[in-house]
Amino acid sequence: VQLAESGGGSVQSGGSLRLSCALSGGKFSLYIMGWHRQTPGKQRELVADMTSVGRTNYGDSVTGRFTISRDNAKNTVYLQMNSLKNEDTAVYYCNARGGVFPYVEVWGQGTLVTVSS
């Protein structure tokens, strides 16, 4: 299973970005798809994740500003990020966990999001 992220970049505070992550090599509907982020010196933290039936989970710092969605027909998960703040600057990683037993956890290569004033 492989994950390919896109959509990172630079944006001003208050702006928006959308990240995309395409899964290949596996059955998309068997995976919980998510986004995590990491800044230097800090642990990777959950941003949001979503089951194949639409159950979502968000990190406290992004609730109300970010929205995760998935298109099972396109094997793609999205992260719509609105009202971006400087502290959202991080490398964002796509994550897939599940599949067919024995379950696996797969990470994308990461995409940098930079928010500036």
C-alpha atoms as a PDB file:
ATOM      1  CA  VAL A   1       0.000   0.000   0.000  1.00  0.00           C
ATOM      2  CA  GLN A   2       1.308   3.454  -0.894  1.00  0.00           C
ATOM      3  CA  LEU A   3       0.101   6.950  -0.161  1.00  0.00           C
ATOM      4  CA  ALA A   4       0.744   9.994  -2.336  1.00  0.00           C
ATOM      5  CA  GLU A   5       0.063  13.429  -0.855  1.00  0.00           C
ATOM      6  CA  SER A   6      -0.354  16.739  -2.626  1.00  0.00           C
ATOM      7  CA  GLY A   7      -1.577  20.235  -1.948  1.00  0.00           C
ATOM      8  CA  GLY A   8       0.858  21.652   0.557  1.00  0.00           C
ATOM      9  CA  GLY A   9       2.364  25.093   0.189  1.00  0.00           C
ATOM     10  CA  SER A  10       2.519  28.558   1.644  1.00  0.00           C
ATOM     11  CA  VAL A  11      -0.469  30.641   2.631  1.00  0.00           C
ATOM     12  CA  GLN A  12      -1.159  33.741   4.665  1.00  0.00           C
ATOM     13  CA  SER A  13      -2.799  33.588   8.035  1.00  0.00           C
ATOM     14  CA  GLY A  14      -6.570  33.316   7.646  1.00  0.00           C
ATOM     15  CA  GLY A  15      -6.270  31.603   4.300  1.00  0.00           C
ATOM     16  CA  SER A  16      -7.190  28.110   3.138  1.00  0.00           C
ATOM     17  CA  LEU A  17      -5.516  25.067   1.650  1.00  0.00           C
ATOM     18  CA  ARG A  18      -6.697  21.621   0.654  1.00  0.00           C
ATOM     19  CA  LEU A  19      -4.521  18.560   0.968  1.00  0.00           C
ATOM     20  CA  SER A  20      -5.135  15.369  -0.978  1.00  0.00           C
ATOM     21  CA  CYS A  21      -3.869  11.855  -0.432  1.00  0.00           C
ATOM     22  CA  ALA A  22      -4.366   8.997  -2.867  1.00  0.00           C
ATOM     23  CA  LEU A  23      -4.046   5.378  -1.785  1.00  0.00           C
ATOM     24  CA  SER A  24      -2.812   2.717  -4.171  1.00  0.00           C
ATOM     25  CA  GLY A  25      -2.137  -0.971  -3.812  1.00  0.00           C
ATOM     26  CA  GLY A  26      -4.971  -1.711  -1.434  1.00  0.00           C
ATOM     27  CA  LYS A  27      -8.729  -1.647  -0.993  1.00  0.00           C
ATOM     28  CA  PHE A  28      -9.444   1.897   0.126  1.00  0.00           C
ATOM     29  CA  SER A  29     -12.660   1.094   1.944  1.00  0.00           C
ATOM     30  CA  LEU A  30     -10.819  -1.174   4.369  1.00  0.00           C
ATOM     31  CA  TYR A  31      -8.712   1.650   5.754  1.00  0.00           C
ATOM     32  CA  ILE A  32      -9.220   4.357   8.305  1.00  0.00           C
ATOM     33  CA  MET A  33      -7.675   7.381   6.623  1.00  0.00           C
ATOM     34  CA  GLY A  34      -6.180  10.270   8.500  1.00  0.00           C
ATOM     35  CA  TRP A  35      -3.902  13.245   8.654  1.00  0.00           C
ATOM     36  CA  HIS A  36      -1.244  13.939  11.227  1.00  0.00           C
ATOM     37  CA  ARG A  37       1.222  16.784  11.495  1.00  0.00           C
ATOM     38  CA  GLN A  38       4.626  17.372  12.987  1.00  0.00           C
ATOM     39  CA  THR A  39       6.834  20.356  13.742  1.00  0.00           C
ATOM     40  CA  PRO A  40      10.526  20.193  14.690  1.00  0.00           C
ATOM     41  CA  GLY A  41      11.059  19.051  18.261  1.00  0.00           C
ATOM     42  CA  LYS A  42       7.464  17.962  18.752  1.00  0.00           C
ATOM     43  CA  GLN A  43       5.669  14.655  18.528  1.00  0.00           C
ATOM     44  CA  ARG A  44       3.487  13.896  15.562  1.00  0.00           C
ATOM     45  CA  GLU A  45      -0.112  14.740  16.410  1.00  0.00           C
ATOM     46  CA  LEU A  46      -3.453  13.716  15.032  1.00  0.00           C
ATOM     47  CA  VAL A  47      -5.187  16.314  12.901  1.00  0.00           C
ATOM     48  CA  ALA A  48      -8.175  14.273  11.771  1.00  0.00           C
ATOM     49  CA  ASP A  49      -9.178  10.803  10.692  1.00  0.00           C
ATOM     50  CA  MET A  50     -12.172   9.206   9.075  1.00  0.00           C
ATOM     51  CA  THR A  51     -13.557   5.691   8.732  1.00  0.00           C
ATOM     52  CA  SER A  52     -14.947   4.354   5.486  1.00  0.00           C
ATOM     53  CA  VAL A  53     -18.490   4.919   6.756  1.00  0.00           C
ATOM     54  CA  GLY A  54     -17.813   8.551   7.574  1.00  0.00           C
ATOM     55  CA  ARG A  55     -17.075   8.602  11.294  1.00  0.00           C
ATOM     56  CA  THR A  56     -14.622  11.431  11.987  1.00  0.00           C
ATOM     57  CA  ASN A  57     -12.249  12.387  14.747  1.00  0.00           C
ATOM     58  CA  TYR A  58     -10.486  15.765  15.017  1.00  0.00           C
ATOM     59  CA  GLY A  59      -7.655  17.152  17.056  1.00  0.00           C
ATOM     60  CA  ASP A  60      -8.747  19.849  19.500  1.00  0.00           C
ATOM     61  CA  SER A  61      -6.676  22.563  17.839  1.00  0.00           C
ATOM     62  CA  VAL A  62      -8.325  22.175  14.422  1.00  0.00           C
ATOM     63  CA  THR A  63     -11.943  21.433  15.313  1.00  0.00           C
ATOM     64  CA  GLY A  64     -14.220  23.852  13.517  1.00  0.00           C
ATOM     65  CA  ARG A  65     -11.549  24.964  11.049  1.00  0.00           C
ATOM     66  CA  PHE A  66     -10.462  21.776   9.273  1.00  0.00           C
ATOM     67  CA  THR A  67     -12.653  19.212   7.529  1.00  0.00           C
ATOM     68  CA  ILE A  68     -11.654  15.722   6.500  1.00  0.00           C
ATOM     69  CA  SER A  69     -13.460  13.944   3.711  1.00  0.00           C
ATOM     70  CA  ARG A  70     -12.932  10.915   1.534  1.00  0.00           C
ATOM     71  CA  ASP A  71     -13.948   9.807  -1.926  1.00  0.00           C
ATOM     72  CA  ASN A  72     -14.055   6.033  -1.889  1.00  0.00           C
ATOM     73  CA  ALA A  73     -14.480   5.930  -5.669  1.00  0.00           C
ATOM     74  CA  LYS A  74     -11.226   7.861  -6.150  1.00  0.00           C
ATOM     75  CA  ASN A  75      -9.326   6.209  -3.292  1.00  0.00           C
ATOM     76  CA  THR A  76      -8.566   9.670  -1.992  1.00  0.00           C
ATOM     77  CA  VAL A  77      -8.819  11.467   1.340  1.00  0.00           C
ATOM     78  CA  TYR A  78      -8.877  15.243   1.617  1.00  0.00           C
ATOM     79  CA  LEU A  79      -8.157  17.769   4.318  1.00  0.00           C
ATOM     80  CA  GLN A  80      -9.773  21.148   3.838  1.00  0.00           C
ATOM     81  CA  MET A  81      -8.001  23.668   6.042  1.00  0.00           C
ATOM     82  CA  ASN A  82      -9.672  27.028   6.637  1.00  0.00           C
ATOM     83  CA  SER A  83      -8.839  29.960   8.882  1.00  0.00           C
ATOM     84  CA  LEU A  84      -5.235  28.871   8.966  1.00  0.00           C
ATOM     85  CA  LYS A  85      -3.028  30.130  11.761  1.00  0.00           C
ATOM     86  CA  ASN A  86       0.732  30.475  12.034  1.00  0.00           C
ATOM     87  CA  GLU A  87       0.740  27.558  14.473  1.00  0.00           C
ATOM     88  CA  ASP A  88      -0.691  25.279  11.781  1.00  0.00           C
ATOM     89  CA  THR A  89       2.692  25.397  10.072  1.00  0.00           C
ATOM     90  CA  ALA A  90       3.955  21.808   9.972  1.00  0.00           C
ATOM     91  CA  VAL A  91       4.678  18.827   7.794  1.00  0.00           C
ATOM     92  CA  TYR A  92       1.376  17.050   7.236  1.00  0.00           C
ATOM     93  CA  TYR A  93       1.386  13.292   6.840  1.00  0.00           C
ATOM     94  CA  CYS A  94      -1.315  11.129   5.368  1.00  0.00           C
ATOM     95  CA  ASN A  95      -1.985   7.906   7.262  1.00  0.00           C
ATOM     96  CA  ALA A  96      -3.844   4.719   6.458  1.00  0.00           C
ATOM     97  CA  ARG A  97      -4.487   1.963   8.958  1.00  0.00           C
ATOM     98  CA  GLY A  98      -6.419  -1.241   8.580  1.00  0.00           C
ATOM     99  CA  GLY A  99      -6.621  -3.379   5.493  1.00  0.00           C
ATOM    100  CA  VAL A 100      -6.794  -7.153   5.580  1.00  0.00           C
ATOM    101  CA  PHE A 101      -5.494  -8.929   8.713  1.00  0.00           C
ATOM    102  CA  PRO A 102      -2.675  -8.595   9.738  1.00  0.00           C
ATOM    103  CA  TYR A 103      -3.575  -4.939   9.788  1.00  0.00           C
ATOM    104  CA  VAL A 104      -1.036  -2.394   8.671  1.00  0.00           C
ATOM    105  CA  GLU A 105      -0.302   1.268   9.174  1.00  0.00           C
ATOM    106  CA  VAL A 106       1.129   3.219   6.277  1.00  0.00           C
ATOM    107  CA  TRP A 107       2.436   6.785   6.105  1.00  0.00           C
ATOM    108  CA  GLY A 108       2.846   9.176   3.234  1.00  0.00           C
ATOM    109  CA  GLN A 109       6.040  11.106   2.632  1.00  0.00           C
ATOM    110  CA  GLY A 110       4.648  14.317   4.096  1.00  0.00           C
ATOM    111  CA  THR A 111       3.807  17.686   2.623  1.00  0.00           C
ATOM    112  CA  LEU A 112       4.852  21.023   4.098  1.00  0.00           C
ATOM    113  CA  VAL A 113       2.270  23.645   4.988  1.00  0.00           C
ATOM    114  CA  THR A 114       3.621  27.068   5.889  1.00  0.00           C
ATOM    115  CA  VAL A 115       1.329  29.756   7.292  1.00  0.00           C
ATOM    116  CA  SER A 116       2.698  33.257   7.652  1.00  0.00           C
ATOM    117  CA  SER A 117       1.352  36.574   8.886  1.00  0.00           C
END
